[in-house]
Amino acid sequence: MRKQHVSVAFALLALALLTLAPAVHAQPYKVYLLYVAEAGDSWVSKDAFASFLTTHLKKAGVSFEVIKSIDDWEKLVDQAPENLIIVNCHGEVMPIPTKYGDNYTLFYQDLARNVREKGWILVLPIGLTTWLIGNEKTVGYTNVVDGPSVSAFRRSLGLPPINPWCDQNAQISDLGKRVAAVLGLDVPEVVGAARAIATNATPLWYFYKVPESAKTWDGLPYYSMAAWKVGKGMLVWGGMSGGDEMRKTAITAAVVAYILDPTLAEKTPPPPPLITPEKAYMYVIVAAVVVLLAVLVVVLVKGRAPKAPPPAAAEKKQ
């Protein structure tokens, strides 16, 4: 009888542990950070962006790999496996594989084919991506190709004309706010969105939007970190201004996590921690000040206390 009770207890304990353990699901997409040595950056430090993004993705529970060389990038574009998320860490620079030379139009056509037919999702967080291309083996570390390159990229994806000359701040949407809260990521309420885009194609969803009272294009609003359907895949356009990589990578991580799990928007955010890192830091400072004041008081009290006469002088008085 005792053995049966023990067995039942162990079974209940195992069930409780299984209930408490987080569920592990296979990601529907494989995530890659495009961060190659042979291409430069613009409006962003690619090193800082990749570093902060790595931290935030890990916090969000997202598995990923890093594309570190232009040859690996070329291989991935050629092999075209299905269902990838590609996050560009180079800002306005689009790394162009060596075999294309300076023919960015051909490269964009092949890249767009992977989006349409293979379900690739391109996440372009910072600036006017494709304004520059980069490959130190062919076109140079960074090479300004400006408007024609942007237009070729848009046309290859089959998107209507866009206006990226926003130069305004964008406000977070309810969706962006909720997803970030569920993930515990610190994202700003307002973000610089100098190259947010306006177009007559309605996005599937968006994390930031420029208030229409601030600016529109032919009555169309500007969106940042917004998704547009392209065949089987998507384009997620950020157009965010440069700087503050730590918080803009938090936004990017939240977007990637939402693509992987759209149910995040329906989940209840966890309660805020009793002690945040900021509060802990403040408490340490206050404690240090209290200790210093206590030491100062002791020193002052000791300094004012009457000094005892030397032993020799005391004996003479006797």
C-alpha atoms as a PDB file:
ATOM      1  CA  MET A   1       0.000   0.000   0.000  1.00  0.00           C
ATOM      2  CA  ARG A   2       2.844   2.367   0.904  1.00  0.00           C
ATOM      3  CA  LYS A   3       4.539   1.654  -2.451  1.00  0.00           C
ATOM      4  CA  GLN A   4       1.309   2.549  -4.254  1.00  0.00           C
ATOM      5  CA  HIS A   5       1.131   5.877  -2.390  1.00  0.00           C
ATOM      6  CA  VAL A   6       4.744   6.626  -3.304  1.00  0.00           C
ATOM      7  CA  SER A   7       4.075   5.779  -6.961  1.00  0.00           C
ATOM      8  CA  VAL A   8       1.024   8.020  -7.025  1.00  0.00           C
ATOM      9  CA  ALA A   9       3.005  10.834  -5.391  1.00  0.00           C
ATOM     10  CA  PHE A  10       5.783  10.550  -7.980  1.00  0.00           C
ATOM     11  CA  ALA A  11       3.224  10.520 -10.798  1.00  0.00           C
ATOM     12  CA  LEU A  12       1.554  13.661  -9.452  1.00  0.00           C
ATOM     13  CA  LEU A  13       4.953  15.347  -9.049  1.00  0.00           C
ATOM     14  CA  ALA A  14       5.912  14.482 -12.632  1.00  0.00           C
ATOM     15  CA  LEU A  15       2.569  15.841 -13.882  1.00  0.00           C
ATOM     16  CA  ALA A  16       3.098  19.056 -11.936  1.00  0.00           C
ATOM     17  CA  LEU A  17       6.591  19.489 -13.377  1.00  0.00           C
ATOM     18  CA  LEU A  18       5.297  18.922 -16.896  1.00  0.00           C
ATOM     19  CA  THR A  19       2.611  21.522 -16.295  1.00  0.00           C
ATOM     20  CA  LEU A  20       5.132  24.075 -15.053  1.00  0.00           C
ATOM     21  CA  ALA A  21       7.690  23.411 -17.777  1.00  0.00           C
ATOM     22  CA  PRO A  22       7.447  25.745 -20.787  1.00  0.00           C
ATOM     23  CA  ALA A  23       6.158  24.115 -23.941  1.00  0.00           C
ATOM     24  CA  VAL A  24       8.745  23.803 -26.692  1.00  0.00           C
ATOM     25  CA  HIS A  25       7.430  24.215 -30.232  1.00  0.00           C
ATOM     26  CA  ALA A  26       9.233  23.967 -33.522  1.00  0.00           C
ATOM     27  CA  GLN A  27       9.539  27.356 -35.210  1.00  0.00           C
ATOM     28  CA  PRO A  28       7.475  27.633 -38.407  1.00  0.00           C
ATOM     29  CA  TYR A  29      10.298  29.699 -39.945  1.00  0.00           C
ATOM     30  CA  LYS A  30      14.067  29.545 -39.679  1.00  0.00           C
ATOM     31  CA  VAL A  31      15.454  32.917 -38.624  1.00  0.00           C
ATOM     32  CA  TYR A  32      18.666  34.358 -40.073  1.00  0.00           C
ATOM     33  CA  LEU A  33      20.452  37.586 -39.166  1.00  0.00           C
ATOM     34  CA  LEU A  34      22.103  39.056 -42.262  1.00  0.00           C
ATOM     35  CA  TYR A  35      25.382  40.357 -40.814  1.00  0.00           C
ATOM     36  CA  VAL A  36      28.215  39.825 -43.288  1.00  0.00           C
ATOM     37  CA  ALA A  37      31.798  40.969 -42.928  1.00  0.00           C
ATOM     38  CA  GLU A  38      32.144  42.091 -46.552  1.00  0.00           C
ATOM     39  CA  ALA A  39      29.396  44.759 -46.495  1.00  0.00           C
ATOM     40  CA  GLY A  40      29.178  47.986 -44.537  1.00  0.00           C
ATOM     41  CA  ASP A  41      26.285  49.753 -42.862  1.00  0.00           C
ATOM     42  CA  SER A  42      24.363  53.015 -42.975  1.00  0.00           C
ATOM     43  CA  TRP A  43      22.219  54.744 -40.350  1.00  0.00           C
ATOM     44  CA  VAL A  44      23.220  51.994 -37.936  1.00  0.00           C
ATOM     45  CA  SER A  45      26.205  50.182 -36.467  1.00  0.00           C
ATOM     46  CA  LYS A  46      25.800  46.673 -37.799  1.00  0.00           C
ATOM     47  CA  ASP A  47      27.929  45.331 -34.931  1.00  0.00           C
ATOM     48  CA  ALA A  48      25.783  46.973 -32.239  1.00  0.00           C
ATOM     49  CA  PHE A  49      22.570  46.068 -34.033  1.00  0.00           C
ATOM     50  CA  ALA A  50      23.495  42.387 -34.373  1.00  0.00           C
ATOM     51  CA  SER A  51      24.717  42.227 -30.770  1.00  0.00           C
ATOM     52  CA  PHE A  52      21.615  43.798 -29.206  1.00  0.00           C
ATOM     53  CA  LEU A  53      19.282  41.873 -31.505  1.00  0.00           C
ATOM     54  CA  THR A  54      20.930  38.610 -30.466  1.00  0.00           C
ATOM     55  CA  THR A  55      20.240  39.440 -26.814  1.00  0.00           C
ATOM     56  CA  HIS A  56      16.598  40.370 -27.411  1.00  0.00           C
ATOM     57  CA  LEU A  57      15.859  37.342 -29.604  1.00  0.00           C
ATOM     58  CA  LYS A  58      17.233  35.033 -26.923  1.00  0.00           C
ATOM     59  CA  LYS A  59      15.043  36.748 -24.330  1.00  0.00           C
ATOM     60  CA  ALA A  60      12.047  36.254 -26.633  1.00  0.00           C
ATOM     61  CA  GLY A  61      12.894  32.553 -26.988  1.00  0.00           C
ATOM     62  CA  VAL A  62      13.663  32.795 -30.711  1.00  0.00           C
ATOM     63  CA  SER A  63      16.237  30.457 -32.272  1.00  0.00           C
ATOM     64  CA  PHE A  64      18.343  31.941 -35.061  1.00  0.00           C
ATOM     65  CA  GLU A  65      21.518  31.687 -37.089  1.00  0.00           C
ATOM     66  CA  VAL A  66      23.852  34.413 -38.323  1.00  0.00           C
ATOM     67  CA  ILE A  67      24.926  34.824 -41.960  1.00  0.00           C
ATOM     68  CA  LYS A  68      28.498  36.016 -41.470  1.00  0.00           C
ATOM     69  CA  SER A  69      29.931  35.984 -44.987  1.00  0.00           C
ATOM     70  CA  ILE A  70      28.823  37.153 -48.414  1.00  0.00           C
ATOM     71  CA  ASP A  71      29.523  33.649 -49.763  1.00  0.00           C
ATOM     72  CA  ASP A  72      27.075  32.142 -47.259  1.00  0.00           C
ATOM     73  CA  TRP A  73      24.500  34.769 -48.242  1.00  0.00           C
ATOM     74  CA  GLU A  74      24.958  33.877 -51.915  1.00  0.00           C
ATOM     75  CA  LYS A  75      24.614  30.182 -51.147  1.00  0.00           C
ATOM     76  CA  LEU A  76      21.381  30.753 -49.230  1.00  0.00           C
ATOM     77  CA  VAL A  77      19.848  32.832 -52.028  1.00  0.00           C
ATOM     78  CA  ASP A  78      20.843  30.164 -54.588  1.00  0.00           C
ATOM     79  CA  GLN A  79      19.629  27.162 -52.599  1.00  0.00           C
ATOM     80  CA  ALA A  80      16.427  28.971 -51.585  1.00  0.00           C
ATOM     81  CA  PRO A  81      15.127  26.773 -48.760  1.00  0.00           C
ATOM     82  CA  GLU A  82      11.530  27.430 -47.803  1.00  0.00           C
ATOM     83  CA  ASN A  83      10.169  29.518 -44.942  1.00  0.00           C
ATOM     84  CA  LEU A  84      13.024  31.772 -43.855  1.00  0.00           C
ATOM     85  CA  ILE A  85      12.999  35.061 -41.996  1.00  0.00           C
ATOM     86  CA  ILE A  86      15.910  37.279 -43.042  1.00  0.00           C
ATOM     87  CA  VAL A  87      16.664  40.253 -40.771  1.00  0.00           C
ATOM     88  CA  ASN A  88      18.991  42.836 -42.301  1.00  0.00           C
ATOM     89  CA  CYS A  89      21.462  44.221 -39.713  1.00  0.00           C
ATOM     90  CA  HIS A  90      23.140  46.631 -42.190  1.00  0.00           C
ATOM     91  CA  GLY A  91      20.582  49.441 -42.098  1.00  0.00           C
ATOM     92  CA  GLU A  92      20.244  51.060 -45.510  1.00  0.00           C
ATOM     93  CA  VAL A  93      22.860  48.765 -47.049  1.00  0.00           C
ATOM     94  CA  MET A  94      21.744  45.581 -48.806  1.00  0.00           C
ATOM     95  CA  PRO A  95      24.617  43.069 -49.128  1.00  0.00           C
ATOM     96  CA  ILE A  96      24.746  41.868 -52.738  1.00  0.00           C
ATOM     97  CA  PRO A  97      26.206  38.407 -53.483  1.00  0.00           C
ATOM     98  CA  THR A  98      29.409  38.330 -55.535  1.00  0.00           C
ATOM     99  CA  LYS A  99      28.011  36.583 -58.609  1.00  0.00           C
ATOM    100  CA  TYR A 100      25.718  39.545 -59.380  1.00  0.00           C
ATOM    101  CA  GLY A 101      28.525  42.079 -59.642  1.00  0.00           C
ATOM    102  CA  ASP A 102      26.763  45.460 -59.621  1.00  0.00           C
ATOM    103  CA  ASN A 103      23.548  44.138 -61.200  1.00  0.00           C
ATOM    104  CA  TYR A 104      21.272  44.766 -58.235  1.00  0.00           C
ATOM    105  CA  THR A 105      18.152  44.456 -60.402  1.00  0.00           C
ATOM    106  CA  LEU A 106      18.907  40.809 -61.165  1.00  0.00           C
ATOM    107  CA  PHE A 107      19.693  40.156 -57.518  1.00  0.00           C
ATOM    108  CA  TYR A 108      16.400  41.699 -56.367  1.00  0.00           C
ATOM    109  CA  GLN A 109      14.499  39.589 -58.893  1.00  0.00           C
ATOM    110  CA  ASP A 110      16.022  36.392 -57.485  1.00  0.00           C
ATOM    111  CA  LEU A 111      15.476  37.557 -53.909  1.00  0.00           C
ATOM    112  CA  ALA A 112      11.856  38.474 -54.661  1.00  0.00           C
ATOM    113  CA  ARG A 113      11.289  35.065 -56.264  1.00  0.00           C
ATOM    114  CA  ASN A 114      12.341  33.460 -52.981  1.00  0.00           C
ATOM    115  CA  VAL A 115       9.875  35.694 -51.146  1.00  0.00           C
ATOM    116  CA  ARG A 116       6.977  34.957 -53.489  1.00  0.00           C
ATOM    117  CA  GLU A 117       7.602  31.250 -54.114  1.00  0.00           C
ATOM    118  CA  LYS A 118       9.578  30.020 -51.094  1.00  0.00           C
ATOM    119  CA  GLY A 119       7.806  31.987 -48.380  1.00  0.00           C
ATOM    120  CA  TRP A 120      10.771  34.141 -47.376  1.00  0.00           C
ATOM    121  CA  ILE A 121      10.090  37.065 -45.051  1.00  0.00           C
ATOM    122  CA  LEU A 122      12.389  40.076 -45.339  1.00  0.00           C
ATOM    123  CA  VAL A 123      12.641  42.237 -42.216  1.00  0.00           C
ATOM    124  CA  LEU A 124      14.281  45.599 -42.997  1.00  0.00           C
ATOM    125  CA  PRO A 125      14.242  47.632 -39.768  1.00  0.00           C
ATOM    126  CA  ILE A 126      16.396  50.723 -40.372  1.00  0.00           C
ATOM    127  CA  GLY A 127      16.326  53.466 -42.989  1.00  0.00           C
ATOM    128  CA  LEU A 128      15.715  53.188 -46.707  1.00  0.00           C
ATOM    129  CA  THR A 129      17.115  49.716 -47.323  1.00  0.00           C
ATOM    130  CA  THR A 130      18.582  49.189 -50.831  1.00  0.00           C
ATOM    131  CA  TRP A 131      19.576  52.882 -51.045  1.00  0.00           C
ATOM    132  CA  LEU A 132      23.048  51.379 -50.812  1.00  0.00           C
ATOM    133  CA  ILE A 133      24.476  47.981 -51.712  1.00  0.00           C
ATOM    134  CA  GLY A 134      27.644  46.441 -50.332  1.00  0.00           C
ATOM    135  CA  ASN A 135      30.240  43.803 -51.171  1.00  0.00           C
ATOM    136  CA  GLU A 136      33.910  44.720 -50.883  1.00  0.00           C
ATOM    137  CA  LYS A 137      34.759  42.028 -53.455  1.00  0.00           C
ATOM    138  CA  THR A 138      32.750  43.738 -56.200  1.00  0.00           C
ATOM    139  CA  VAL A 139      30.903  47.014 -55.629  1.00  0.00           C
ATOM    140  CA  GLY A 140      32.708  48.180 -52.493  1.00  0.00           C
ATOM    141  CA  TYR A 141      32.050  48.025 -48.762  1.00  0.00           C
ATOM    142  CA  THR A 142      29.207  50.514 -49.233  1.00  0.00           C
ATOM    143  CA  ASN A 143      28.024  51.835 -52.592  1.00  0.00           C
ATOM    144  CA  VAL A 144      25.281  54.459 -52.957  1.00  0.00           C
ATOM    145  CA  VAL A 145      22.861  53.471 -55.732  1.00  0.00           C
ATOM    146  CA  ASP A 146      19.932  55.563 -54.404  1.00  0.00           C
ATOM    147  CA  GLY A 147      16.468  55.846 -55.959  1.00  0.00           C
ATOM    148  CA  PRO A 148      16.776  53.492 -58.968  1.00  0.00           C
ATOM    149  CA  SER A 149      17.841  50.669 -56.632  1.00  0.00           C
ATOM    150  CA  VAL A 150      14.893  51.262 -54.287  1.00  0.00           C
ATOM    151  CA  SER A 151      12.478  51.313 -57.218  1.00  0.00           C
ATOM    152  CA  ALA A 152      13.954  48.111 -58.684  1.00  0.00           C
ATOM    153  CA  PHE A 153      13.569  46.410 -55.291  1.00  0.00           C
ATOM    154  CA  ARG A 154       9.935  47.532 -54.954  1.00  0.00           C
ATOM    155  CA  ARG A 155       9.031  46.474 -58.483  1.00  0.00           C
ATOM    156  CA  SER A 156      10.654  43.066 -58.063  1.00  0.00           C
ATOM    157  CA  LEU A 157       8.324  42.439 -55.108  1.00  0.00           C
ATOM    158  CA  GLY A 158       5.310  43.610 -57.094  1.00  0.00           C
ATOM    159  CA  LEU A 159       4.486  46.408 -54.666  1.00  0.00           C
ATOM    160  CA  PRO A 160       2.781  49.642 -55.757  1.00  0.00           C
ATOM    161  CA  PRO A 161       4.665  52.977 -55.593  1.00  0.00           C
ATOM    162  CA  ILE A 162       5.822  54.034 -52.135  1.00  0.00           C
ATOM    163  CA  ASN A 163       6.748  57.343 -50.558  1.00  0.00           C
ATOM    164  CA  PRO A 164       9.527  56.909 -47.984  1.00  0.00           C
ATOM    165  CA  TRP A 165      10.165  60.610 -47.282  1.00  0.00           C
ATOM    166  CA  CYS A 166       8.420  60.646 -43.942  1.00  0.00           C
ATOM    167  CA  ASP A 167      10.826  62.413 -41.535  1.00  0.00           C
ATOM    168  CA  GLN A 168       8.367  62.081 -38.657  1.00  0.00           C
ATOM    169  CA  ASN A 169       7.933  60.117 -35.447  1.00  0.00           C
ATOM    170  CA  ALA A 170       5.659  57.086 -35.339  1.00  0.00           C
ATOM    171  CA  GLN A 171       3.523  55.910 -32.424  1.00  0.00           C
ATOM    172  CA  ILE A 172       3.250  52.321 -31.251  1.00  0.00           C
ATOM    173  CA  SER A 173       0.086  50.386 -32.096  1.00  0.00           C
ATOM    174  CA  ASP A 174      -1.967  48.356 -29.647  1.00  0.00           C
ATOM    175  CA  LEU A 175      -0.590  45.239 -31.344  1.00  0.00           C
ATOM    176  CA  GLY A 176       3.031  46.310 -30.896  1.00  0.00           C
ATOM    177  CA  LYS A 177       2.432  47.337 -27.296  1.00  0.00           C
ATOM    178  CA  ARG A 178       0.768  44.042 -26.388  1.00  0.00           C
ATOM    179  CA  VAL A 179       3.336  41.778 -28.071  1.00  0.00           C
ATOM    180  CA  ALA A 180       6.232  43.625 -26.445  1.00  0.00           C
ATOM    181  CA  ALA A 181       4.544  43.402 -23.034  1.00  0.00           C
ATOM    182  CA  VAL A 182       3.967  39.650 -23.374  1.00  0.00           C
ATOM    183  CA  LEU A 183       7.640  39.170 -24.292  1.00  0.00           C
ATOM    184  CA  GLY A 184       8.880  41.518 -21.564  1.00  0.00           C
ATOM    185  CA  LEU A 185      10.740  43.683 -24.098  1.00  0.00           C
ATOM    186  CA  ASP A 186      11.300  47.384 -23.485  1.00  0.00           C
ATOM    187  CA  VAL A 187      10.135  49.170 -26.640  1.00  0.00           C
ATOM    188  CA  PRO A 188       9.497  52.907 -27.040  1.00  0.00           C
ATOM    189  CA  GLU A 189       6.016  54.398 -27.322  1.00  0.00           C
ATOM    190  CA  VAL A 190       7.330  56.760 -30.005  1.00  0.00           C
ATOM    191  CA  VAL A 191      10.113  56.009 -32.467  1.00  0.00           C
ATOM    192  CA  GLY A 192      11.875  58.047 -35.132  1.00  0.00           C
ATOM    193  CA  ALA A 193      10.581  56.791 -38.476  1.00  0.00           C
ATOM    194  CA  ALA A 194      12.332  58.985 -41.027  1.00  0.00           C
ATOM    195  CA  ARG A 195      11.839  56.416 -43.807  1.00  0.00           C
ATOM    196  CA  ALA A 196       8.466  54.934 -42.893  1.00  0.00           C
ATOM    197  CA  ILE A 197       6.504  54.328 -46.066  1.00  0.00           C
ATOM    198  CA  ALA A 198       3.107  55.363 -47.379  1.00  0.00           C
ATOM    199  CA  THR A 199       1.504  53.280 -50.132  1.00  0.00           C
ATOM    200  CA  ASN A 200      -1.988  52.444 -51.331  1.00  0.00           C
ATOM    201  CA  ALA A 201      -1.484  48.779 -50.352  1.00  0.00           C
ATOM    202  CA  THR A 202      -2.862  48.179 -46.867  1.00  0.00           C
ATOM    203  CA  PRO A 203      -0.440  46.353 -44.548  1.00  0.00           C
ATOM    204  CA  LEU A 204      -1.389  43.035 -42.945  1.00  0.00           C
ATOM    205  CA  TRP A 205      -0.431  44.513 -39.576  1.00  0.00           C
ATOM    206  CA  TYR A 206       1.843  47.202 -38.165  1.00  0.00           C
ATOM    207  CA  PHE A 207       3.693  47.973 -34.951  1.00  0.00           C
ATOM    208  CA  TYR A 208       4.118  51.735 -35.541  1.00  0.00           C
ATOM    209  CA  LYS A 209       2.179  54.373 -37.456  1.00  0.00           C
ATOM    210  CA  VAL A 210       2.766  58.073 -38.019  1.00  0.00           C
ATOM    211  CA  PRO A 211      -0.254  60.097 -36.802  1.00  0.00           C
ATOM    212  CA  GLU A 212      -2.191  61.284 -39.816  1.00  0.00           C
ATOM    213  CA  SER A 213      -2.343  64.707 -38.216  1.00  0.00           C
ATOM    214  CA  ALA A 214       1.450  64.858 -38.559  1.00  0.00           C
ATOM    215  CA  LYS A 215       1.862  63.741 -42.173  1.00  0.00           C
ATOM    216  CA  THR A 216       0.247  61.736 -44.967  1.00  0.00           C
ATOM    217  CA  TRP A 217       0.974  61.173 -48.651  1.00  0.00           C
ATOM    218  CA  ASP A 218      -2.052  61.807 -50.857  1.00  0.00           C
ATOM    219  CA  GLY A 219      -4.174  60.989 -47.815  1.00  0.00           C
ATOM    220  CA  LEU A 220      -2.288  57.723 -47.169  1.00  0.00           C
ATOM    221  CA  PRO A 221      -0.717  57.120 -43.726  1.00  0.00           C
ATOM    222  CA  TYR A 222       2.930  56.258 -43.103  1.00  0.00           C
ATOM    223  CA  TYR A 223       3.727  52.905 -41.467  1.00  0.00           C
ATOM    224  CA  SER A 224       6.841  51.609 -39.708  1.00  0.00           C
ATOM    225  CA  MET A 225       7.594  47.980 -38.817  1.00  0.00           C
ATOM    226  CA  ALA A 226       4.622  46.966 -40.937  1.00  0.00           C
ATOM    227  CA  ALA A 227       4.053  43.824 -43.019  1.00  0.00           C
ATOM    228  CA  TRP A 228       2.908  43.500 -46.620  1.00  0.00           C
ATOM    229  CA  LYS A 229       2.020  40.168 -48.198  1.00  0.00           C
ATOM    230  CA  VAL A 230       4.170  39.172 -51.204  1.00  0.00           C
ATOM    231  CA  GLY A 231       3.135  35.821 -52.673  1.00  0.00           C
ATOM    232  CA  LYS A 232       3.832  33.159 -50.043  1.00  0.00           C
ATOM    233  CA  GLY A 233       6.109  35.517 -48.122  1.00  0.00           C
ATOM    234  CA  MET A 234       6.166  39.028 -46.663  1.00  0.00           C
ATOM    235  CA  LEU A 235       8.053  42.278 -46.613  1.00  0.00           C
ATOM    236  CA  VAL A 236       8.349  43.875 -43.179  1.00  0.00           C
ATOM    237  CA  TRP A 237       9.429  47.477 -43.674  1.00  0.00           C
ATOM    238  CA  GLY A 238      10.802  49.445 -40.743  1.00  0.00           C
ATOM    239  CA  GLY A 239      12.171  52.705 -42.078  1.00  0.00           C
ATOM    240  CA  MET A 240      13.201  53.604 -38.527  1.00  0.00           C
ATOM    241  CA  SER A 241      15.726  56.382 -37.997  1.00  0.00           C
ATOM    242  CA  GLY A 242      19.276  55.598 -36.921  1.00  0.00           C
ATOM    243  CA  GLY A 243      20.603  55.433 -33.361  1.00  0.00           C
ATOM    244  CA  ASP A 244      19.369  53.792 -30.142  1.00  0.00           C
ATOM    245  CA  GLU A 245      20.109  50.307 -31.444  1.00  0.00           C
ATOM    246  CA  MET A 246      19.233  48.744 -28.097  1.00  0.00           C
ATOM    247  CA  ARG A 247      15.547  49.699 -28.217  1.00  0.00           C
ATOM    248  CA  LYS A 248      15.131  49.411 -31.980  1.00  0.00           C
ATOM    249  CA  THR A 249      16.445  45.857 -31.863  1.00  0.00           C
ATOM    250  CA  ALA A 250      13.886  45.178 -29.110  1.00  0.00           C
ATOM    251  CA  ILE A 251      11.187  46.295 -31.576  1.00  0.00           C
ATOM    252  CA  THR A 252      12.729  44.072 -34.258  1.00  0.00           C
ATOM    253  CA  ALA A 253      12.839  41.069 -31.925  1.00  0.00           C
ATOM    254  CA  ALA A 254       9.174  41.608 -31.007  1.00  0.00           C
ATOM    255  CA  VAL A 255       8.243  41.679 -34.705  1.00  0.00           C
ATOM    256  CA  VAL A 256      10.152  38.463 -35.436  1.00  0.00           C
ATOM    257  CA  ALA A 257       8.601  36.722 -32.425  1.00  0.00           C
ATOM    258  CA  TYR A 258       5.118  37.813 -33.549  1.00  0.00           C
ATOM    259  CA  ILE A 259       5.677  36.447 -37.059  1.00  0.00           C
ATOM    260  CA  LEU A 260       6.656  33.120 -35.510  1.00  0.00           C
ATOM    261  CA  ASP A 261       3.722  33.116 -33.093  1.00  0.00           C
ATOM    262  CA  PRO A 262       0.783  35.430 -33.922  1.00  0.00           C
ATOM    263  CA  THR A 263      -1.043  34.181 -30.802  1.00  0.00           C
ATOM    264  CA  LEU A 264       1.281  36.399 -28.745  1.00  0.00           C
ATOM    265  CA  ALA A 265      -1.208  39.196 -29.364  1.00  0.00           C
ATOM    266  CA  GLU A 266      -3.885  37.206 -27.515  1.00  0.00           C
ATOM    267  CA  LYS A 267      -1.809  36.268 -24.484  1.00  0.00           C
ATOM    268  CA  THR A 268      -1.898  38.016 -21.133  1.00  0.00           C
ATOM    269  CA  PRO A 269       1.279  39.939 -20.309  1.00  0.00           C
ATOM    270  CA  PRO A 270       3.055  38.653 -17.184  1.00  0.00           C
ATOM    271  CA  PRO A 271       2.791  40.809 -14.050  1.00  0.00           C
ATOM    272  CA  PRO A 272       5.623  43.342 -13.779  1.00  0.00           C
ATOM    273  CA  PRO A 273       8.528  42.170 -11.591  1.00  0.00           C
ATOM    274  CA  LEU A 274       8.586  43.469  -8.034  1.00  0.00           C
ATOM    275  CA  ILE A 275      12.136  44.684  -8.545  1.00  0.00           C
ATOM    276  CA  THR A 276      13.201  45.809 -11.999  1.00  0.00           C
ATOM    277  CA  PRO A 277      16.893  46.243 -12.881  1.00  0.00           C
ATOM    278  CA  GLU A 278      16.351  50.012 -12.745  1.00  0.00           C
ATOM    279  CA  LYS A 279      14.865  49.793  -9.224  1.00  0.00           C
ATOM    280  CA  ALA A 280      17.610  47.421  -8.086  1.00  0.00           C
ATOM    281  CA  TYR A 281      20.214  49.916  -9.312  1.00  0.00           C
ATOM    282  CA  MET A 282      18.425  52.739  -7.479  1.00  0.00           C
ATOM    283  CA  TYR A 283      18.284  50.692  -4.255  1.00  0.00           C
ATOM    284  CA  VAL A 284      22.011  49.970  -4.466  1.00  0.00           C
ATOM    285  CA  ILE A 285      22.757  53.682  -4.892  1.00  0.00           C
ATOM    286  CA  VAL A 286      20.515  54.600  -1.940  1.00  0.00           C
ATOM    287  CA  ALA A 287      22.096  51.897   0.234  1.00  0.00           C
ATOM    288  CA  ALA A 288      25.582  53.114  -0.665  1.00  0.00           C
ATOM    289  CA  VAL A 289      24.640  56.697   0.238  1.00  0.00           C
ATOM    290  CA  VAL A 290      23.180  55.546   3.583  1.00  0.00           C
ATOM    291  CA  VAL A 291      26.366  53.599   4.410  1.00  0.00           C
ATOM    292  CA  LEU A 292      28.562  56.582   3.529  1.00  0.00           C
ATOM    293  CA  LEU A 293      26.437  58.885   5.682  1.00  0.00           C
ATOM    294  CA  ALA A 294      26.635  56.414   8.579  1.00  0.00           C
ATOM    295  CA  VAL A 295      30.411  56.265   8.281  1.00  0.00           C
ATOM    296  CA  LEU A 296      30.579  60.063   8.181  1.00  0.00           C
ATOM    297  CA  VAL A 297      28.422  60.349  11.330  1.00  0.00           C
ATOM    298  CA  VAL A 298      30.647  57.872  13.198  1.00  0.00           C
ATOM    299  CA  VAL A 299      33.760  59.784  12.187  1.00  0.00           C
ATOM    300  CA  LEU A 300      32.247  63.110  13.294  1.00  0.00           C
ATOM    301  CA  VAL A 301      31.079  61.683  16.635  1.00  0.00           C
ATOM    302  CA  LYS A 302      34.490  60.210  17.329  1.00  0.00           C
ATOM    303  CA  GLY A 303      36.130  63.516  16.428  1.00  0.00           C
ATOM    304  CA  ARG A 304      34.020  65.450  18.963  1.00  0.00           C
ATOM    305  CA  ALA A 305      34.410  62.968  21.854  1.00  0.00           C
ATOM    306  CA  PRO A 306      36.751  64.160  24.720  1.00  0.00           C
ATOM    307  CA  LYS A 307      40.134  62.566  24.464  1.00  0.00           C
ATOM    308  CA  ALA A 308      41.350  60.517  27.447  1.00  0.00           C
ATOM    309  CA  PRO A 309      44.610  61.800  28.993  1.00  0.00           C
ATOM    310  CA  PRO A 310      47.744  59.769  28.288  1.00  0.00           C
ATOM    311  CA  PRO A 311      48.506  57.103  30.931  1.00  0.00           C
ATOM    312  CA  ALA A 312      51.669  58.897  32.090  1.00  0.00           C
ATOM    313  CA  ALA A 313      49.839  62.176  32.742  1.00  0.00           C
ATOM    314  CA  ALA A 314      47.137  60.377  34.698  1.00  0.00           C
ATOM    315  CA  GLU A 315      49.750  58.765  36.987  1.00  0.00           C
ATOM    316  CA  LYS A 316      51.382  62.157  37.718  1.00  0.00           C
ATOM    317  CA  LYS A 317      48.066  63.613  38.885  1.00  0.00           C
ATOM    318  CA  GLN A 318      47.685  60.766  41.330  1.00  0.00           C
END
